[in-house]
Amino acid sequence: MADLVVDSEALAEVRRRLTAVADDLDAPARRLRGLASGGLGTPALERRADLIADGWADAIAEYATFADELATNLQTVEDTVDDTEADLAVATTPVPPLAPGPPAAPGPRPPFAR
């Protein structure tokens, strides 16, 4: 049976990068929602430009949410691995032998041992 090896440092790095991606995507999504489409020529073109900007903003926000959720799930994986390693360390620590105690007190004699 193969051993399971989890690179906690790699998990933490991926989680940090996903968190950074989520943070980096927040500002562009807000800016796209605030774009003024006035002056593009016709009201129909301005409405289409607004729809496109809002669609892109929604998509970027979804990517940010997805990255944030992945980072949260990776944190859960890291915590579970740490807890499992601690449990295994306790379970596999040898128990020292018991020290010899006093001899057992004599009990009642069986009826045949007179």
Protein backbone atom coordinates (compact mmCIF):
# COMPACT_ATOMS: atom_id res chain seq x y z
CA MET A 1 0.00 0.00 0.00
CA ALA A 2 1.42 3.39 -0.99
CA ASP A 3 1.89 6.20 1.49
CA LEU A 4 -0.13 9.37 1.04
CA VAL A 5 2.12 12.41 0.87
CA VAL A 6 0.59 15.88 1.14
CA ASP A 7 2.77 18.90 0.44
CA SER A 8 1.34 21.37 2.94
CA GLU A 9 3.58 24.18 1.72
CA ALA A 10 2.31 23.74 -1.85
CA LEU A 11 -1.30 23.73 -0.64
CA ALA A 12 -0.69 26.91 1.33
CA GLU A 13 0.94 28.59 -1.67
CA VAL A 14 -1.95 27.70 -3.97
CA ARG A 15 -4.39 28.97 -1.34
CA ARG A 16 -2.47 32.27 -1.02
CA ARG A 17 -2.45 32.71 -4.80
CA LEU A 18 -6.17 31.99 -5.10
CA THR A 19 -6.89 34.53 -2.37
CA ALA A 20 -4.74 37.08 -4.22
CA VAL A 21 -6.60 36.37 -7.48
CA ALA A 22 -9.95 36.91 -5.75
CA ASP A 23 -8.70 40.19 -4.31
CA ASP A 24 -7.20 41.32 -7.64
CA LEU A 25 -10.45 40.70 -9.54
CA ASP A 26 -12.64 42.75 -7.22
CA ALA A 27 -11.54 46.20 -8.45
CA PRO A 28 -11.93 45.49 -12.21
CA ALA A 29 -15.44 44.13 -11.65
CA ARG A 30 -16.42 47.28 -9.77
CA ARG A 31 -14.89 49.54 -12.44
CA LEU A 32 -16.73 47.75 -15.25
CA ARG A 33 -20.03 48.29 -13.47
CA GLY A 34 -19.28 51.98 -13.20
CA LEU A 35 -18.41 52.58 -16.84
CA ALA A 36 -20.38 55.39 -18.42
CA SER A 37 -21.54 54.35 -21.87
CA GLY A 38 -22.83 57.81 -22.73
CA GLY A 39 -21.46 59.40 -25.85
CA LEU A 40 -21.21 56.22 -27.90
CA GLY A 41 -23.64 57.52 -30.47
CA THR A 42 -27.03 55.91 -30.16
CA PRO A 43 -29.07 54.82 -27.15
CA ALA A 44 -29.19 51.25 -28.52
CA LEU A 45 -25.38 51.11 -28.74
CA GLU A 46 -25.08 52.54 -25.25
CA ARG A 47 -27.48 49.90 -23.87
CA ARG A 48 -25.49 47.15 -25.59
CA ALA A 49 -22.24 48.54 -24.18
CA ASP A 50 -23.80 48.58 -20.71
CA LEU A 51 -24.94 44.97 -21.11
CA ILE A 52 -21.49 43.88 -22.22
CA ALA A 53 -19.78 45.72 -19.35
CA ASP A 54 -22.24 44.28 -16.83
CA GLY A 55 -21.76 40.79 -18.28
CA TRP A 56 -18.00 41.06 -17.99
CA ALA A 57 -18.35 42.42 -14.45
CA ASP A 58 -20.57 39.47 -13.51
CA ALA A 59 -18.11 36.99 -15.04
CA ILE A 60 -15.14 38.55 -13.26
CA ALA A 61 -17.05 38.55 -9.97
CA GLU A 62 -17.88 34.86 -10.49
CA TYR A 63 -14.20 34.05 -11.07
CA ALA A 64 -13.34 35.94 -7.89
CA THR A 65 -16.00 34.04 -5.93
CA PHE A 66 -14.79 30.73 -7.35
CA ALA A 67 -11.16 31.50 -6.44
CA ASP A 68 -12.20 32.54 -2.93
CA GLU A 69 -14.24 29.35 -2.44
CA LEU A 70 -11.33 27.22 -3.66
CA ALA A 71 -9.03 28.97 -1.19
CA THR A 72 -11.50 28.30 1.62
CA ASN A 73 -11.76 24.62 0.64
CA LEU A 74 -7.98 24.29 0.49
CA GLN A 75 -7.79 25.71 4.01
CA THR A 76 -10.21 22.97 5.09
CA VAL A 77 -7.98 20.36 3.41
CA GLU A 78 -4.91 21.77 5.18
CA ASP A 79 -6.68 21.71 8.55
CA THR A 80 -7.87 18.13 7.98
CA VAL A 81 -4.37 16.96 7.02
CA ASP A 82 -2.90 18.64 10.12
CA ASP A 83 -5.55 17.08 12.38
CA THR A 84 -5.03 13.64 10.81
CA GLU A 85 -1.25 13.86 11.23
CA ALA A 86 -1.69 14.81 14.89
CA ASP A 87 -4.11 11.92 15.44
CA LEU A 88 -1.73 9.48 13.72
CA ALA A 89 1.19 10.73 15.80
CA VAL A 90 -0.74 10.02 18.99
CA ALA A 91 -2.00 6.65 17.72
CA THR A 92 1.45 5.45 16.65
CA THR A 93 3.40 6.62 19.71
CA PRO A 94 4.60 3.53 21.57
CA VAL A 95 3.13 3.12 25.04
CA PRO A 96 5.81 2.47 27.67
CA PRO A 97 5.46 -0.86 29.51
CA LEU A 98 3.70 -0.75 32.83
CA ALA A 99 5.91 -0.80 35.89
CA PRO A 100 5.58 -3.99 37.90
CA GLY A 101 3.16 -3.52 40.75
CA PRO A 102 2.96 -5.24 44.10
CA PRO A 103 2.19 -8.95 44.05
CA ALA A 104 -1.45 -9.86 44.09
CA ALA A 105 -2.93 -10.51 47.51
CA PRO A 106 -3.79 -14.12 48.20
CA GLY A 107 -7.43 -14.82 47.59
CA PRO A 108 -9.66 -17.42 49.13
CA ARG A 109 -8.38 -20.98 48.85
CA PRO A 110 -10.23 -23.29 46.55
CA PRO A 111 -12.06 -26.07 48.42
CA PHE A 112 -9.82 -28.80 46.99
CA ALA A 113 -6.56 -27.17 48.19
CA ARG A 114 -6.78 -28.12 51.87
